């Protein structure tokens, strides 16, 4: 069976940095997206992953603010787990 490469994950911290760089505060992002401010801070500072619906809302807001396509959202590839590393 062919192994699939893991899909890159959206870098939510960079998404928020780019929106903030466009002049929006965390409070304003929270108001526009209806995502609590503390939750947004968790995405930015703690590397938390949003649930699907919140991620879609935040990504759509990023698209509107930056004018970029959703497919060009910043991503990152997590490092291999210890078990994956041992199999290499």
PDB file of N, CA and C in Angstrom:
ATOM      1  N   UNK A   1       0.838  -1.173   0.000  1.00  0.00           N
ATOM      2  CA  UNK A   1       0.000   0.000   0.000  1.00  0.00           C
ATOM      3  C   UNK A   1       0.887   1.242   0.000  1.00  0.00           C
ATOM      4  N   UNK A   2       0.515   2.200  -0.802  1.00  0.00           N
ATOM      5  CA  UNK A   2       1.287   3.440  -0.905  1.00  0.00           C
ATOM      6  C   UNK A   2       1.012   4.324   0.305  1.00  0.00           C
ATOM      7  N   UNK A   3       2.092   4.806   0.926  1.00  0.00           N
ATOM      8  CA  UNK A   3       1.927   5.714   2.059  1.00  0.00           C
ATOM      9  C   UNK A   3       1.673   7.122   1.554  1.00  0.00           C
ATOM     10  N   UNK A   4       0.746   7.779   2.196  1.00  0.00           N
ATOM     11  CA  UNK A   4       0.444   9.162   1.842  1.00  0.00           C
ATOM     12  C   UNK A   4       1.254  10.099   2.719  1.00  0.00           C
ATOM     13  N   UNK A   5       1.745  11.141   2.121  1.00  0.00           N
ATOM     14  CA  UNK A   5       2.455  12.158   2.898  1.00  0.00           C
ATOM     15  C   UNK A   5       1.427  12.960   3.685  1.00  0.00           C
ATOM     16  N   UNK A   6       1.761  13.345   4.904  1.00  0.00           N
ATOM     17  CA  UNK A   6       0.801  14.134   5.671  1.00  0.00           C
ATOM     18  C   UNK A   6       0.567  15.485   4.998  1.00  0.00           C
ATOM     19  N   UNK A   7      -0.669  15.915   5.039  1.00  0.00           N
ATOM     20  CA  UNK A   7      -1.011  17.214   4.457  1.00  0.00           C
ATOM     21  C   UNK A   7      -0.430  18.315   5.333  1.00  0.00           C
ATOM     22  N   UNK A   8       0.064  19.382   4.717  1.00  0.00           N
ATOM     23  CA  UNK A   8       0.564  20.490   5.540  1.00  0.00           C
ATOM     24  C   UNK A   8      -0.599  21.131   6.301  1.00  0.00           C
ATOM     25  N   UNK A   9      -0.314  21.589   7.479  1.00  0.00           N
ATOM     26  CA  UNK A   9      -1.327  22.209   8.325  1.00  0.00           C
ATOM     27  C   UNK A   9      -1.271  23.720   8.161  1.00  0.00           C
ATOM     28  N   UNK A  10      -2.436  24.348   8.300  1.00  0.00           N
ATOM     29  CA  UNK A  10      -2.479  25.814   8.222  1.00  0.00           C
ATOM     30  C   UNK A  10      -1.733  26.378   9.424  1.00  0.00           C
ATOM     31  N   UNK A  11      -0.913  27.367   9.179  1.00  0.00           N
ATOM     32  CA  UNK A  11      -0.168  28.037  10.236  1.00  0.00           C
ATOM     33  C   UNK A  11      -1.031  29.189  10.754  1.00  0.00           C
ATOM     34  N   UNK A  12      -1.825  28.901  11.778  1.00  0.00           N
ATOM     35  CA  UNK A  12      -2.797  29.873  12.282  1.00  0.00           C
ATOM     36  C   UNK A  12      -2.121  31.094  12.898  1.00  0.00           C
ATOM     37  N   UNK A  13      -0.956  30.910  13.449  1.00  0.00           N
ATOM     38  CA  UNK A  13      -0.223  32.031  14.009  1.00  0.00           C
ATOM     39  C   UNK A  13       0.132  33.038  12.911  1.00  0.00           C
ATOM     40  N   UNK A  14       0.603  32.544  11.776  1.00  0.00           N
ATOM     41  CA  UNK A  14       0.936  33.436  10.660  1.00  0.00           C
ATOM     42  C   UNK A  14      -0.309  34.067  10.057  1.00  0.00           C
ATOM     43  N   UNK A  15      -1.406  33.322  10.016  1.00  0.00           N
ATOM     44  CA  UNK A  15      -2.679  33.880   9.532  1.00  0.00           C
ATOM     45  C   UNK A  15      -3.030  35.104  10.366  1.00  0.00           C
ATOM     46  N   UNK A  16      -2.974  34.943  11.688  1.00  0.00           N
ATOM     47  CA  UNK A  16      -3.303  36.060  12.575  1.00  0.00           C
ATOM     48  C   UNK A  16      -2.285  37.189  12.446  1.00  0.00           C
ATOM     49  N   UNK A  17      -1.011  36.862  12.297  1.00  0.00           N
ATOM     50  CA  UNK A  17       0.010  37.900  12.112  1.00  0.00           C
ATOM     51  C   UNK A  17      -0.261  38.725  10.856  1.00  0.00           C
ATOM     52  N   UNK A  18      -0.653  38.069   9.768  1.00  0.00           N
ATOM     53  CA  UNK A  18      -0.910  38.788   8.525  1.00  0.00           C
ATOM     54  C   UNK A  18      -2.147  39.676   8.648  1.00  0.00           C
ATOM     55  N   UNK A  19      -3.181  39.199   9.338  1.00  0.00           N
ATOM     56  CA  UNK A  19      -4.374  40.017   9.533  1.00  0.00           C
ATOM     57  C   UNK A  19      -4.046  41.203  10.441  1.00  0.00           C
ATOM     58  N   UNK A  20      -3.264  40.953  11.480  1.00  0.00           N
ATOM     59  CA  UNK A  20      -2.862  42.051  12.365  1.00  0.00           C
ATOM     60  C   UNK A  20      -1.960  43.037  11.625  1.00  0.00           C
ATOM     61  N   UNK A  21      -1.129  42.538  10.737  1.00  0.00           N
ATOM     62  CA  UNK A  21      -0.276  43.400   9.935  1.00  0.00           C
ATOM     63  C   UNK A  21      -1.069  44.296   8.993  1.00  0.00           C
ATOM     64  N   UNK A  22      -2.294  43.878   8.679  1.00  0.00           N
ATOM     65  CA  UNK A  22      -3.172  44.685   7.826  1.00  0.00           C
ATOM     66  C   UNK A  22      -3.922  45.740   8.634  1.00  0.00           C
ATOM     67  N   UNK A  23      -3.644  45.791   9.945  1.00  0.00           N
ATOM     68  CA  UNK A  23      -4.219  46.856  10.758  1.00  0.00           C
ATOM     69  C   UNK A  23      -5.333  46.449  11.693  1.00  0.00           C
ATOM     70  N   UNK A  24      -5.653  45.178  11.781  1.00  0.00           N
ATOM     71  CA  UNK A  24      -6.709  44.715  12.681  1.00  0.00           C
ATOM     72  C   UNK A  24      -6.118  44.281  14.019  1.00  0.00           C
ATOM     73  N   UNK A  25      -6.810  44.594  15.093  1.00  0.00           N
ATOM     74  CA  UNK A  25      -6.401  44.123  16.415  1.00  0.00           C
ATOM     75  C   UNK A  25      -7.054  42.769  16.683  1.00  0.00           C
ATOM     76  N   UNK A  26      -6.550  42.076  17.678  1.00  0.00           N
ATOM     77  CA  UNK A  26      -7.160  40.797  18.063  1.00  0.00           C
ATOM     78  C   UNK A  26      -8.625  41.012  18.441  1.00  0.00           C
ATOM     79  N   UNK A  27      -8.906  42.110  19.117  1.00  0.00           N
ATOM     80  CA  UNK A  27     -10.288  42.408  19.506  1.00  0.00           C
ATOM     81  C   UNK A  27     -11.172  42.581  18.271  1.00  0.00           C
ATOM     82  N   UNK A  28     -10.687  43.290  17.270  1.00  0.00           N
ATOM     83  CA  UNK A  28     -11.462  43.481  16.043  1.00  0.00           C
ATOM     84  C   UNK A  28     -11.645  42.169  15.287  1.00  0.00           C
ATOM     85  N   UNK A  29     -10.596  41.366  15.225  1.00  0.00           N
ATOM     86  CA  UNK A  29     -10.704  40.058  14.566  1.00  0.00           C
ATOM     87  C   UNK A  29     -11.766  39.230  15.279  1.00  0.00           C
ATOM     88  N   UNK A  30     -11.763  39.281  16.595  1.00  0.00           N
ATOM     89  CA  UNK A  30     -12.751  38.560  17.391  1.00  0.00           C
ATOM     90  C   UNK A  30     -14.164  39.041  17.076  1.00  0.00           C
ATOM     91  N   UNK A  31     -14.338  40.340  16.976  1.00  0.00           N
ATOM     92  CA  UNK A  31     -15.661  40.891  16.684  1.00  0.00           C
ATOM     93  C   UNK A  31     -16.146  40.497  15.290  1.00  0.00           C
ATOM     94  N   UNK A  32     -15.272  40.551  14.300  1.00  0.00           N
ATOM     95  CA  UNK A  32     -15.661  40.208  12.930  1.00  0.00           C
ATOM     96  C   UNK A  32     -15.938  38.719  12.761  1.00  0.00           C
ATOM     97  N   UNK A  33     -15.160  37.877  13.436  1.00  0.00           N
ATOM     98  CA  UNK A  33     -15.281  36.426  13.238  1.00  0.00           C
ATOM     99  C   UNK A  33     -16.171  35.742  14.266  1.00  0.00           C
ATOM    100  N   UNK A  34     -16.493  36.429  15.345  1.00  0.00           N
ATOM    101  CA  UNK A  34     -17.257  35.848  16.460  1.00  0.00           C
ATOM    102  C   UNK A  34     -16.494  34.697  17.138  1.00  0.00           C
ATOM    103  N   UNK A  35     -15.173  34.723  17.029  1.00  0.00           N
ATOM    104  CA  UNK A  35     -14.310  33.768  17.730  1.00  0.00           C
ATOM    105  C   UNK A  35     -13.776  34.505  18.955  1.00  0.00           C
ATOM    106  N   UNK A  36     -13.938  33.951  20.156  1.00  0.00           N
ATOM    107  CA  UNK A  36     -13.486  34.667  21.352  1.00  0.00           C
ATOM    108  C   UNK A  36     -12.011  35.070  21.273  1.00  0.00           C
ATOM    109  N   UNK A  37     -11.717  36.235  21.826  1.00  0.00           N
ATOM    110  CA  UNK A  37     -10.358  36.774  21.822  1.00  0.00           C
ATOM    111  C   UNK A  37      -9.368  35.783  22.432  1.00  0.00           C
ATOM    112  N   UNK A  38      -9.743  35.166  23.546  1.00  0.00           N
ATOM    113  CA  UNK A  38      -8.831  34.224  24.205  1.00  0.00           C
ATOM    114  C   UNK A  38      -8.576  32.993  23.340  1.00  0.00           C
ATOM    115  N   UNK A  39      -9.562  32.604  22.553  1.00  0.00           N
ATOM    116  CA  UNK A  39      -9.381  31.473  21.635  1.00  0.00           C
ATOM    117  C   UNK A  39      -8.398  31.847  20.538  1.00  0.00           C
ATOM    118  N   UNK A  40      -8.548  33.066  19.997  1.00  0.00           N
ATOM    119  CA  UNK A  40      -7.600  33.532  18.978  1.00  0.00           C
ATOM    120  C   UNK A  40      -6.185  33.581  19.534  1.00  0.00           C
ATOM    121  N   UNK A  41      -6.056  34.041  20.769  1.00  0.00           N
ATOM    122  CA  UNK A  41      -4.724  34.076  21.392  1.00  0.00           C
ATOM    123  C   UNK A  41      -4.163  32.674  21.557  1.00  0.00           C
ATOM    124  N   UNK A  42      -5.024  31.704  21.819  1.00  0.00           N
ATOM    125  CA  UNK A  42      -4.576  30.305  21.903  1.00  0.00           C
ATOM    126  C   UNK A  42      -4.051  29.812  20.570  1.00  0.00           C
ATOM    127  N   UNK A  43      -4.712  30.193  19.474  1.00  0.00           N
ATOM    128  CA  UNK A  43      -4.223  29.815  18.144  1.00  0.00           C
ATOM    129  C   UNK A  43      -2.860  30.446  17.885  1.00  0.00           C
ATOM    130  N   UNK A  44      -2.718  31.694  18.303  1.00  0.00           N
ATOM    131  CA  UNK A  44      -1.490  32.438  18.008  1.00  0.00           C
ATOM    132  C   UNK A  44      -0.337  32.048  18.919  1.00  0.00           C
ATOM    133  N   UNK A  45      -0.580  32.025  20.212  1.00  0.00           N
ATOM    134  CA  UNK A  45       0.512  31.855  21.177  1.00  0.00           C
ATOM    135  C   UNK A  45       0.776  30.416  21.588  1.00  0.00           C
ATOM    136  N   UNK A  46      -0.251  29.570  21.534  1.00  0.00           N
ATOM    137  CA  UNK A  46      -0.100  28.208  22.051  1.00  0.00           C
ATOM    138  C   UNK A  46      -0.097  27.145  20.964  1.00  0.00           C
ATOM    139  N   UNK A  47      -0.297  27.565  19.730  1.00  0.00           N
ATOM    140  CA  UNK A  47      -0.313  26.592  18.640  1.00  0.00           C
ATOM    141  C   UNK A  47      -1.562  25.735  18.608  1.00  0.00           C
ATOM    142  N   UNK A  48      -2.636  26.200  19.237  1.00  0.00           N
ATOM    143  CA  UNK A  48      -3.880  25.434  19.248  1.00  0.00           C
ATOM    144  C   UNK A  48      -4.475  25.390  17.842  1.00  0.00           C
ATOM    145  N   UNK A  49      -5.171  24.320  17.545  1.00  0.00           N
ATOM    146  CA  UNK A  49      -5.839  24.158  16.260  1.00  0.00           C
ATOM    147  C   UNK A  49      -7.316  24.487  16.427  1.00  0.00           C
ATOM    148  N   UNK A  50      -7.870  25.310  15.543  1.00  0.00           N
ATOM    149  CA  UNK A  50      -9.301  25.607  15.644  1.00  0.00           C
ATOM    150  C   UNK A  50     -10.143  24.418  15.187  1.00  0.00           C
ATOM    151  N   UNK A  51     -11.377  24.368  15.690  1.00  0.00           N
ATOM    152  CA  UNK A  51     -12.282  23.364  15.135  1.00  0.00           C
ATOM    153  C   UNK A  51     -12.591  23.798  13.705  1.00  0.00           C
ATOM    154  N   UNK A  52     -13.127  22.895  12.927  1.00  0.00           N
ATOM    155  CA  UNK A  52     -13.282  23.135  11.500  1.00  0.00           C
ATOM    156  C   UNK A  52     -14.036  24.427  11.201  1.00  0.00           C
ATOM    157  N   UNK A  53     -15.180  24.630  11.833  1.00  0.00           N
ATOM    158  CA  UNK A  53     -16.000  25.805  11.525  1.00  0.00           C
ATOM    159  C   UNK A  53     -15.266  27.112  11.845  1.00  0.00           C
ATOM    160  N   UNK A  54     -14.551  27.152  12.953  1.00  0.00           N
ATOM    161  CA  UNK A  54     -13.796  28.357  13.307  1.00  0.00           C
ATOM    162  C   UNK A  54     -12.640  28.579  12.343  1.00  0.00           C
ATOM    163  N   UNK A  55     -12.006  27.508  11.921  1.00  0.00           N
ATOM    164  CA  UNK A  55     -10.911  27.622  10.960  1.00  0.00           C
ATOM    165  C   UNK A  55     -11.382  28.174   9.623  1.00  0.00           C
ATOM    166  N   UNK A  56     -12.562  27.711   9.178  1.00  0.00           N
ATOM    167  CA  UNK A  56     -13.116  28.204   7.909  1.00  0.00           C
ATOM    168  C   UNK A  56     -13.427  29.697   8.019  1.00  0.00           C
ATOM    169  N   UNK A  57     -14.027  30.105   9.125  1.00  0.00           N
ATOM    170  CA  UNK A  57     -14.370  31.517   9.328  1.00  0.00           C
ATOM    171  C   UNK A  57     -13.107  32.377   9.339  1.00  0.00           C
ATOM    172  N   UNK A  58     -12.106  31.943  10.094  1.00  0.00           N
ATOM    173  CA  UNK A  58     -10.870  32.715  10.187  1.00  0.00           C
ATOM    174  C   UNK A  58     -10.143  32.765   8.843  1.00  0.00           C
ATOM    175  N   UNK A  59     -10.142  31.657   8.121  1.00  0.00           N
ATOM    176  CA  UNK A  59      -9.497  31.627   6.805  1.00  0.00           C
ATOM    177  C   UNK A  59     -10.228  32.546   5.819  1.00  0.00           C
ATOM    178  N   UNK A  60     -11.552  32.555   5.854  1.00  0.00           N
ATOM    179  CA  UNK A  60     -12.318  33.455   4.971  1.00  0.00           C
ATOM    180  C   UNK A  60     -12.020  34.920   5.303  1.00  0.00           C
ATOM    181  N   UNK A  61     -11.906  35.216   6.581  1.00  0.00           N
ATOM    182  CA  UNK A  61     -11.580  36.588   6.976  1.00  0.00           C
ATOM    183  C   UNK A  61     -10.195  36.958   6.463  1.00  0.00           C
ATOM    184  N   UNK A  62      -9.228  36.054   6.589  1.00  0.00           N
ATOM    185  CA  UNK A  62      -7.868  36.283   6.088  1.00  0.00           C
ATOM    186  C   UNK A  62      -7.898  36.544   4.585  1.00  0.00           C
ATOM    187  N   UNK A  63      -8.699  35.775   3.837  1.00  0.00           N
ATOM    188  CA  UNK A  63      -8.815  35.955   2.385  1.00  0.00           C
ATOM    189  C   UNK A  63      -9.352  37.349   2.074  1.00  0.00           C
ATOM    190  N   UNK A  64     -10.374  37.787   2.803  1.00  0.00           N
ATOM    191  CA  UNK A  64     -10.953  39.111   2.565  1.00  0.00           C
ATOM    192  C   UNK A  64      -9.954  40.219   2.878  1.00  0.00           C
ATOM    193  N   UNK A  65      -9.221  40.074   3.959  1.00  0.00           N
ATOM    194  CA  UNK A  65      -8.284  41.114   4.396  1.00  0.00           C
ATOM    195  C   UNK A  65      -7.076  41.194   3.479  1.00  0.00           C
ATOM    196  N   UNK A  66      -6.510  40.062   3.134  1.00  0.00           N
ATOM    197  CA  UNK A  66      -5.264  40.053   2.366  1.00  0.00           C
ATOM    198  C   UNK A  66      -5.471  40.054   0.855  1.00  0.00           C
ATOM    199  N   UNK A  67      -6.642  39.628   0.400  1.00  0.00           N
ATOM    200  CA  UNK A  67      -6.880  39.512  -1.037  1.00  0.00           C
ATOM    201  C   UNK A  67      -6.220  38.298  -1.658  1.00  0.00           C
ATOM    202  N   UNK A  68      -5.678  37.428  -0.824  1.00  0.00           N
ATOM    203  CA  UNK A  68      -5.026  36.213  -1.322  1.00  0.00           C
ATOM    204  C   UNK A  68      -6.047  35.084  -1.431  1.00  0.00           C
ATOM    205  N   UNK A  69      -5.683  34.058  -2.171  1.00  0.00           N
ATOM    206  CA  UNK A  69      -6.514  32.876  -2.322  1.00  0.00           C
ATOM    207  C   UNK A  69      -6.332  31.957  -1.113  1.00  0.00           C
ATOM    208  N   UNK A  70      -7.391  31.265  -0.708  1.00  0.00           N
ATOM    209  CA  UNK A  70      -7.311  30.367   0.441  1.00  0.00           C
ATOM    210  C   UNK A  70      -6.252  29.280   0.245  1.00  0.00           C
ATOM    211  N   UNK A  71      -6.039  28.878  -0.990  1.00  0.00           N
ATOM    212  CA  UNK A  71      -5.040  27.841  -1.267  1.00  0.00           C
ATOM    213  C   UNK A  71      -3.620  28.319  -0.979  1.00  0.00           C
ATOM    214  N   UNK A  72      -3.423  29.623  -0.895  1.00  0.00           N
ATOM    215  CA  UNK A  72      -2.086  30.148  -0.628  1.00  0.00           C
ATOM    216  C   UNK A  72      -1.877  30.484   0.846  1.00  0.00           C
ATOM    217  N   UNK A  73      -2.749  29.987   1.705  1.00  0.00           N
ATOM    218  CA  UNK A  73      -2.613  30.229   3.147  1.00  0.00           C
ATOM    219  C   UNK A  73      -1.283  29.665   3.644  1.00  0.00           C
ATOM    220  N   UNK A  74      -0.655  30.348   4.601  1.00  0.00           N
ATOM    221  CA  UNK A  74       0.620  29.837   5.123  1.00  0.00           C
ATOM    222  C   UNK A  74       0.424  28.485   5.811  1.00  0.00           C
ATOM    223  N   UNK A  75       1.336  27.587   5.555  1.00  0.00           N
ATOM    224  CA  UNK A  75       1.249  26.236   6.134  1.00  0.00           C
ATOM    225  C   UNK A  75       2.559  25.860   6.801  1.00  0.00           C
ATOM    226  N   UNK A  76       2.509  24.771   7.523  1.00  0.00           N
ATOM    227  CA  UNK A  76       3.713  24.192   8.103  1.00  0.00           C
ATOM    228  C   UNK A  76       3.517  22.687   8.152  1.00  0.00           C
ATOM    229  N   UNK A  77       4.601  21.966   8.119  1.00  0.00           N
ATOM    230  CA  UNK A  77       4.565  20.512   8.215  1.00  0.00           C
ATOM    231  C   UNK A  77       5.131  20.120   9.566  1.00  0.00           C
ATOM    232  N   UNK A  78       4.335  19.420  10.373  1.00  0.00           N
ATOM    233  CA  UNK A  78       4.837  19.047  11.694  1.00  0.00           C
ATOM    234  C   UNK A  78       6.019  18.090  11.580  1.00  0.00           C
ATOM    235  N   UNK A  79       6.930  18.145  12.529  1.00  0.00           N
ATOM    236  CA  UNK A  79       8.056  17.210  12.500  1.00  0.00           C
ATOM    237  C   UNK A  79       7.549  15.787  12.750  1.00  0.00           C
ATOM    238  N   UNK A  80       8.305  14.804  12.331  1.00  0.00           N
ATOM    239  CA  UNK A  80       7.856  13.425  12.557  1.00  0.00           C
ATOM    240  C   UNK A  80       7.809  13.097  14.048  1.00  0.00           C
ATOM    241  N   UNK A  81       6.879  12.228  14.391  1.00  0.00           N
ATOM    242  CA  UNK A  81       6.801  11.777  15.778  1.00  0.00           C
ATOM    243  C   UNK A  81       8.007  10.887  16.072  1.00  0.00           C
ATOM    244  N   UNK A  82       8.206  10.562  17.324  1.00  0.00           N
ATOM    245  CA  UNK A  82       9.331   9.702  17.707  1.00  0.00           C
ATOM    246  C   UNK A  82       9.222   8.345  17.016  1.00  0.00           C
ATOM    247  N   UNK A  83       8.009   7.807  16.942  1.00  0.00           N
ATOM    248  CA  UNK A  83       7.815   6.511  16.293  1.00  0.00           C
ATOM    249  C   UNK A  83       8.115   6.597  14.805  1.00  0.00           C
ATOM    250  N   UNK A  84       7.679   7.676  14.152  1.00  0.00           N
ATOM    251  CA  UNK A  84       7.964   7.854  12.741  1.00  0.00           C
ATOM    252  C   UNK A  84       9.457   8.027  12.500  1.00  0.00           C
ATOM    253  N   UNK A  85      10.105   8.736  13.391  1.00  0.00           N
ATOM    254  CA  UNK A  85      11.537   8.980  13.254  1.00  0.00           C
ATOM    255  C   UNK A  85      12.316   7.670  13.349  1.00  0.00           C
ATOM    256  N   UNK A  86      11.904   6.786  14.276  1.00  0.00           N
ATOM    257  CA  UNK A  86      12.595   5.500  14.426  1.00  0.00           C
ATOM    258  C   UNK A  86      12.425   4.619  13.203  1.00  0.00           C
ATOM    259  N   UNK A  87      11.312   4.776  12.479  1.00  0.00           N
ATOM    260  CA  UNK A  87      11.074   3.958  11.290  1.00  0.00           C
ATOM    261  C   UNK A  87      11.863   4.438  10.088  1.00  0.00           C
ATOM    262  N   UNK A  88      12.422   5.627  10.166  1.00  0.00           N
ATOM    263  CA  UNK A  88      13.163   6.185   9.024  1.00  0.00           C
ATOM    264  C   UNK A  88      14.446   5.443   8.786  1.00  0.00           C
TER     265      UNK A  88
END
